[in-house]
Every structure is written in structure tokens, then in C-alpha cells.
C-alpha atoms as a PDB file:
ATOM      1  CA  MET A   1      12.688 -13.412 -19.331  1.00  0.00           C
ATOM      2  CA  THR A   2      15.107 -15.124 -21.681  1.00  0.00           C
ATOM      3  CA  ASP A   3      17.967 -13.318 -23.371  1.00  0.00           C
ATOM      4  CA  ALA A   4      16.391 -14.085 -26.750  1.00  0.00           C
ATOM      5  CA  ALA A   5      13.389 -11.900 -25.911  1.00  0.00           C
ATOM      6  CA  ARG A   6      15.603  -8.956 -24.987  1.00  0.00           C
ATOM      7  CA  ASP A   7      16.800  -6.306 -27.396  1.00  0.00           C
ATOM      8  CA  PRO A   8      20.478  -7.022 -28.154  1.00  0.00           C
ATOM      9  CA  GLN A   9      21.197  -3.260 -28.238  1.00  0.00           C
ATOM     10  CA  ASP A  10      20.148  -2.283 -24.727  1.00  0.00           C
ATOM     11  CA  GLY A  11      19.098  -5.566 -23.037  1.00  0.00           C
ATOM     12  CA  LYS A  12      15.549  -4.351 -22.386  1.00  0.00           C
ATOM     13  CA  SER A  13      12.291  -6.080 -23.179  1.00  0.00           C
ATOM     14  CA  PRO A  14      10.294  -5.034 -26.239  1.00  0.00           C
ATOM     15  CA  PRO A  15       7.786  -2.292 -25.282  1.00  0.00           C
ATOM     16  CA  GLY A  16       4.688  -4.379 -26.040  1.00  0.00           C
ATOM     17  CA  LYS A  17       5.858  -7.213 -23.830  1.00  0.00           C
ATOM     18  CA  ASP A  18       6.337  -4.899 -20.830  1.00  0.00           C
ATOM     19  CA  ARG A  19       2.823  -3.511 -21.249  1.00  0.00           C
ATOM     20  CA  GLY A  20       1.418  -7.036 -21.290  1.00  0.00           C
ATOM     21  CA  ILE A  21       3.241  -7.920 -18.090  1.00  0.00           C
ATOM     22  CA  VAL A  22       2.081  -4.708 -16.422  1.00  0.00           C
ATOM     23  CA  ARG A  23      -1.520  -5.415 -17.465  1.00  0.00           C
ATOM     24  CA  ARG A  24      -1.338  -8.988 -16.194  1.00  0.00           C
ATOM     25  CA  HIS A  25       0.212  -7.940 -12.881  1.00  0.00           C
ATOM     26  CA  SER A  26      -2.299  -5.098 -12.486  1.00  0.00           C
ATOM     27  CA  ALA A  27      -5.195  -7.464 -13.148  1.00  0.00           C
ATOM     28  CA  MET A  28      -3.816  -9.969 -10.638  1.00  0.00           C
ATOM     29  CA  LEU A  29      -3.350  -7.264  -7.999  1.00  0.00           C
ATOM     30  CA  PHE A  30      -6.839  -5.866  -8.619  1.00  0.00           C
ATOM     31  CA  SER A  31      -8.264  -9.377  -8.283  1.00  0.00           C
ATOM     32  CA  GLU A  32      -6.453  -9.887  -4.978  1.00  0.00           C
ATOM     33  CA  ILE A  33      -7.702  -6.545  -3.651  1.00  0.00           C
ATOM     34  CA  TRP A  34     -11.248  -7.246  -4.881  1.00  0.00           C
ATOM     35  CA  GLN A  35     -11.290 -10.508  -2.908  1.00  0.00           C
ATOM     36  CA  ARG A  36     -10.500  -8.474   0.200  1.00  0.00           C
ATOM     37  CA  LYS A  37     -12.869  -5.548  -0.360  1.00  0.00           C
ATOM     38  CA  PRO A  38     -13.819  -5.013   3.292  1.00  0.00           C
ATOM     39  CA  ASP A  39     -10.191  -4.612   4.400  1.00  0.00           C
ATOM     40  CA  PHE A  40      -9.384  -2.362   1.449  1.00  0.00           C
ATOM     41  CA  LEU A  41     -12.455  -0.173   2.005  1.00  0.00           C
ATOM     42  CA  LEU A  42     -11.720   0.056   5.734  1.00  0.00           C
ATOM     43  CA  GLY A  43      -8.154   1.137   4.959  1.00  0.00           C
ATOM     44  CA  MET A  44      -9.267   3.739   2.433  1.00  0.00           C
ATOM     45  CA  GLY A  45     -12.072   4.954   4.705  1.00  0.00           C
ATOM     46  CA  THR A  46      -9.727   5.463   7.636  1.00  0.00           C
ATOM     47  CA  ALA A  47      -7.257   7.239   5.332  1.00  0.00           C
ATOM     48  CA  ILE A  48      -9.981   9.685   4.296  1.00  0.00           C
ATOM     49  CA  LEU A  49     -11.170  10.171   7.884  1.00  0.00           C
ATOM     50  CA  SER A  50      -7.605  10.753   9.045  1.00  0.00           C
ATOM     51  CA  ALA A  51      -7.084  13.388   6.355  1.00  0.00           C
ATOM     52  CA  VAL A  52     -10.365  15.154   7.173  1.00  0.00           C
ATOM     53  CA  VAL A  53      -9.639  15.195  10.899  1.00  0.00           C
ATOM     54  CA  THR A  54      -6.106  16.441  10.288  1.00  0.00           C
ATOM     55  CA  LEU A  55      -7.498  19.289   8.182  1.00  0.00           C
ATOM     56  CA  LEU A  56      -9.685  20.365  11.122  1.00  0.00           C
ATOM     57  CA  LEU A  57      -6.651  21.044  13.293  1.00  0.00           C
ATOM     58  CA  PRO A  58      -5.432  24.237  11.544  1.00  0.00           C
ATOM     59  CA  GLN A  59      -8.999  25.556  11.424  1.00  0.00           C
ATOM     60  CA  ARG A  60      -9.384  25.042  15.165  1.00  0.00           C
ATOM     61  CA  ALA A  61      -5.975  26.659  15.799  1.00  0.00           C
ATOM     62  CA  GLN A  62      -7.014  29.701  13.789  1.00  0.00           C
ATOM     63  CA  THR A  63     -10.217  30.029  15.796  1.00  0.00           C
ATOM     64  CA  LEU A  64      -8.250  29.719  19.019  1.00  0.00           C
ATOM     65  CA  ILE A  65      -5.735  32.395  17.996  1.00  0.00           C
ATOM     66  CA  GLU A  66      -8.167  34.872  16.466  1.00  0.00           C
ATOM     67  CA  GLU A  67     -11.138  34.598  18.814  1.00  0.00           C
ATOM     68  CA  THR A  68     -10.257  32.906  22.095  1.00  0.00           C
ATOM     69  CA  LEU A  69      -6.805  34.272  22.967  1.00  0.00           C
ATOM     70  CA  PRO A  70      -7.686  37.974  22.552  1.00  0.00           C
ATOM     71  CA  ALA A  71     -10.443  37.574  25.154  1.00  0.00           C
ATOM     72  CA  GLY A  72      -7.722  36.753  27.698  1.00  0.00           C
ATOM     73  CA  GLU A  73      -9.761  34.209  29.675  1.00  0.00           C
ATOM     74  CA  PHE A  74      -8.045  31.027  30.830  1.00  0.00           C
ATOM     75  CA  TRP A  75     -10.788  28.372  30.575  1.00  0.00           C
ATOM     76  CA  PRO A  76     -11.799  29.011  26.966  1.00  0.00           C
ATOM     77  CA  VAL A  77      -8.113  28.789  25.960  1.00  0.00           C
ATOM     78  CA  ALA A  78      -7.681  25.547  27.928  1.00  0.00           C
ATOM     79  CA  GLN A  79     -10.860  24.174  26.372  1.00  0.00           C
ATOM     80  CA  GLY A  80      -9.636  25.127  22.867  1.00  0.00           C
ATOM     81  CA  LEU A  81      -6.280  23.416  23.477  1.00  0.00           C
ATOM     82  CA  ALA A  82      -8.040  20.314  24.805  1.00  0.00           C
ATOM     83  CA  ILE A  83     -10.202  20.171  21.687  1.00  0.00           C
ATOM     84  CA  MET A  84      -7.106  20.506  19.492  1.00  0.00           C
ATOM     85  CA  LEU A  85      -5.426  17.690  21.442  1.00  0.00           C
ATOM     86  CA  LEU A  86      -8.517  15.530  20.997  1.00  0.00           C
ATOM     87  CA  ILE A  87      -8.583  16.253  17.249  1.00  0.00           C
ATOM     88  CA  ALA A  88      -4.901  15.298  16.981  1.00  0.00           C
ATOM     89  CA  ALA A  89      -5.469  12.067  18.940  1.00  0.00           C
ATOM     90  CA  VAL A  90      -8.422  11.076  16.750  1.00  0.00           C
ATOM     91  CA  GLY A  91      -6.348  11.782  13.614  1.00  0.00           C
ATOM     92  CA  ILE A  92      -3.478   9.664  14.940  1.00  0.00           C
ATOM     93  CA  GLY A  93      -5.936   6.893  15.816  1.00  0.00           C
ATOM     94  CA  PHE A  94      -7.417   6.808  12.310  1.00  0.00           C
ATOM     95  CA  SER A  95      -3.938   6.922  10.808  1.00  0.00           C
ATOM     96  CA  SER A  96      -2.810   3.987  12.970  1.00  0.00           C
ATOM     97  CA  ILE A  97      -5.867   1.931  12.023  1.00  0.00           C
ATOM     98  CA  ARG A  98      -5.249   2.699   8.332  1.00  0.00           C
ATOM     99  CA  LYS A  99      -1.623   1.650   8.593  1.00  0.00           C
ATOM    100  CA  TYR A 100      -2.466  -1.597  10.393  1.00  0.00           C
ATOM    101  CA  VAL A 101      -5.274  -2.572   8.026  1.00  0.00           C
ATOM    102  CA  LEU A 102      -3.345  -1.791   4.830  1.00  0.00           C
ATOM    103  CA  GLU A 103      -0.179  -3.539   6.043  1.00  0.00           C
ATOM    104  CA  ARG A 104      -2.227  -6.613   6.975  1.00  0.00           C
ATOM    105  CA  LEU A 105      -3.869  -6.494   3.539  1.00  0.00           C
ATOM    106  CA  THR A 106      -0.503  -6.185   1.822  1.00  0.00           C
ATOM    107  CA  ASN A 107       0.961  -9.084   3.787  1.00  0.00           C
ATOM    108  CA  ARG A 108      -2.013 -11.321   2.999  1.00  0.00           C
ATOM    109  CA  ILE A 109      -1.851 -10.523  -0.708  1.00  0.00           C
ATOM    110  CA  THR A 110       1.908 -11.124  -0.797  1.00  0.00           C
ATOM    111  CA  THR A 111       1.536 -14.430   1.049  1.00  0.00           C
ATOM    112  CA  ASP A 112      -1.210 -15.627  -1.304  1.00  0.00           C
ATOM    113  CA  ILE A 113       0.746 -14.673  -4.424  1.00  0.00           C
ATOM    114  CA  ARG A 114       3.888 -16.382  -3.124  1.00  0.00           C
ATOM    115  CA  ALA A 115       1.881 -19.523  -2.323  1.00  0.00           C
ATOM    116  CA  ARG A 116       0.376 -19.476  -5.824  1.00  0.00           C
ATOM    117  CA  VAL A 117       3.818 -19.065  -7.414  1.00  0.00           C
ATOM    118  CA  PHE A 118       5.237 -21.861  -5.262  1.00  0.00           C
ATOM    119  CA  ARG A 119       2.352 -24.212  -6.161  1.00  0.00           C
ATOM    120  CA  HIS A 120       2.955 -23.415  -9.825  1.00  0.00           C
ATOM    121  CA  LEU A 121       6.677 -24.075  -9.435  1.00  0.00           C
ATOM    122  CA  LEU A 122       5.934 -27.461  -7.902  1.00  0.00           C
ATOM    123  CA  SER A 123       3.632 -28.346 -10.785  1.00  0.00           C
ATOM    124  CA  VAL A 124       6.227 -27.542 -13.475  1.00  0.00           C
ATOM    125  CA  SER A 125       8.105 -30.554 -14.798  1.00  0.00           C
ATOM    126  CA  ALA A 126      11.717 -31.057 -13.783  1.00  0.00           C
ATOM    127  CA  ARG A 127      12.687 -31.193 -17.467  1.00  0.00           C
ATOM    128  CA  ARG A 128      11.391 -27.657 -18.020  1.00  0.00           C
ATOM    129  CA  LEU A 129      13.248 -26.338 -14.970  1.00  0.00           C
ATOM    130  CA  GLN A 130      16.477 -28.142 -15.843  1.00  0.00           C
ATOM    131  CA  GLY A 131      17.690 -25.394 -18.165  1.00  0.00           C
ATOM    132  CA  ALA A 132      17.072 -22.623 -15.658  1.00  0.00           C
ATOM    133  CA  GLU A 133      19.682 -21.582 -13.149  1.00  0.00           C
ATOM    134  CA  SER A 134      18.564 -21.963  -9.531  1.00  0.00           C
ATOM    135  CA  GLY A 135      19.776 -18.475  -8.606  1.00  0.00           C
ATOM    136  CA  GLN A 136      17.786 -17.024 -11.503  1.00  0.00           C
ATOM    137  CA  LEU A 137      14.611 -18.779 -10.344  1.00  0.00           C
ATOM    138  CA  LEU A 138      15.017 -17.622  -6.724  1.00  0.00           C
ATOM    139  CA  SER A 139      15.795 -14.086  -7.796  1.00  0.00           C
ATOM    140  CA  THR A 140      12.838 -13.971 -10.154  1.00  0.00           C
ATOM    141  CA  PHE A 141      10.348 -15.235  -7.572  1.00  0.00           C
ATOM    142  CA  SER A 142      11.504 -13.080  -4.673  1.00  0.00           C
ATOM    143  CA  ASN A 143      11.999  -9.892  -6.716  1.00  0.00           C
ATOM    144  CA  ASP A 144       8.788 -10.220  -8.722  1.00  0.00           C
ATOM    145  CA  ILE A 145       6.745 -10.440  -5.527  1.00  0.00           C
ATOM    146  CA  GLN A 146       8.505  -7.353  -4.145  1.00  0.00           C
ATOM    147  CA  VAL A 147       7.337  -5.383  -7.195  1.00  0.00           C
ATOM    148  CA  PHE A 148       3.717  -5.873  -6.088  1.00  0.00           C
END
């Protein structure tokens, strides 16, 4: 953003301009996610499954404490602990899948946006870029992508 577009009092952008940028960036991000619906839905599905499975663990622990332990028999307690361990493992598995899928999705979106920005930069005339400082351009491109 040029200094002319900033408020001389506080150096910030006018409020309407920020909203326009946020809308444009949100639309671009939504478009990128929409193109990768299967990955996004898999990530969200595994997040929900992980949360549901994790919520089963306290319920199972309560059953173990209130019903199984007072009976004083060894095998039902061992079976209850094994079930709790299995529930925890399944929850960790779903959580790991979610993390992998969403990180892969994020990396692909970031790579595509950077490639698009770079292609645009190569298409801009040298005359238009002449007035811009190279450090400003690099900072803008690398920091703007990080915002996504």
C-alpha cells in the first residue's frame, strides 16, 4: 500500500479499504479450499471423529470407576483399561490424520498462491516496478502469503 493511501495521523489504511482487502483475500482462500474439497472435508471429518472419540474416553473411565472397580474382579478391569487404551489410540490416529491432511492442504494452497503471485510479478512491466523498492516487494509477497 502506498503512503498516499494511508491516514497521515496514524499511518493506517482507511477502514473501507481494509474490508475490501479482507473480502478479496477471504474469497481467494475460499476458492482455493473449494478446489480441494475432498482434502478439506477429510480434514474436517477426521477432526470431528477425533473429538467424538476423545469425548468417549471420560465416559468409559466413569463406567470403569463406578461399575467395574467395585466388583473387584481383575479381568473386567483389564478389559476396561484395554478398551480405554484402544479409544485413546483411535483418537490419536484420527487426530494425526487430520493434522497431516490439513497441513498438506495448507501447503498446497500456499504454494499455488505464491506461484500465482510470482506469475503476476513476472507479467508486470519493468517500468511499473521501477518505483518500488526491492525490499518492499519481497516483504509484501512473503508476509502477505503468511497471513493466509
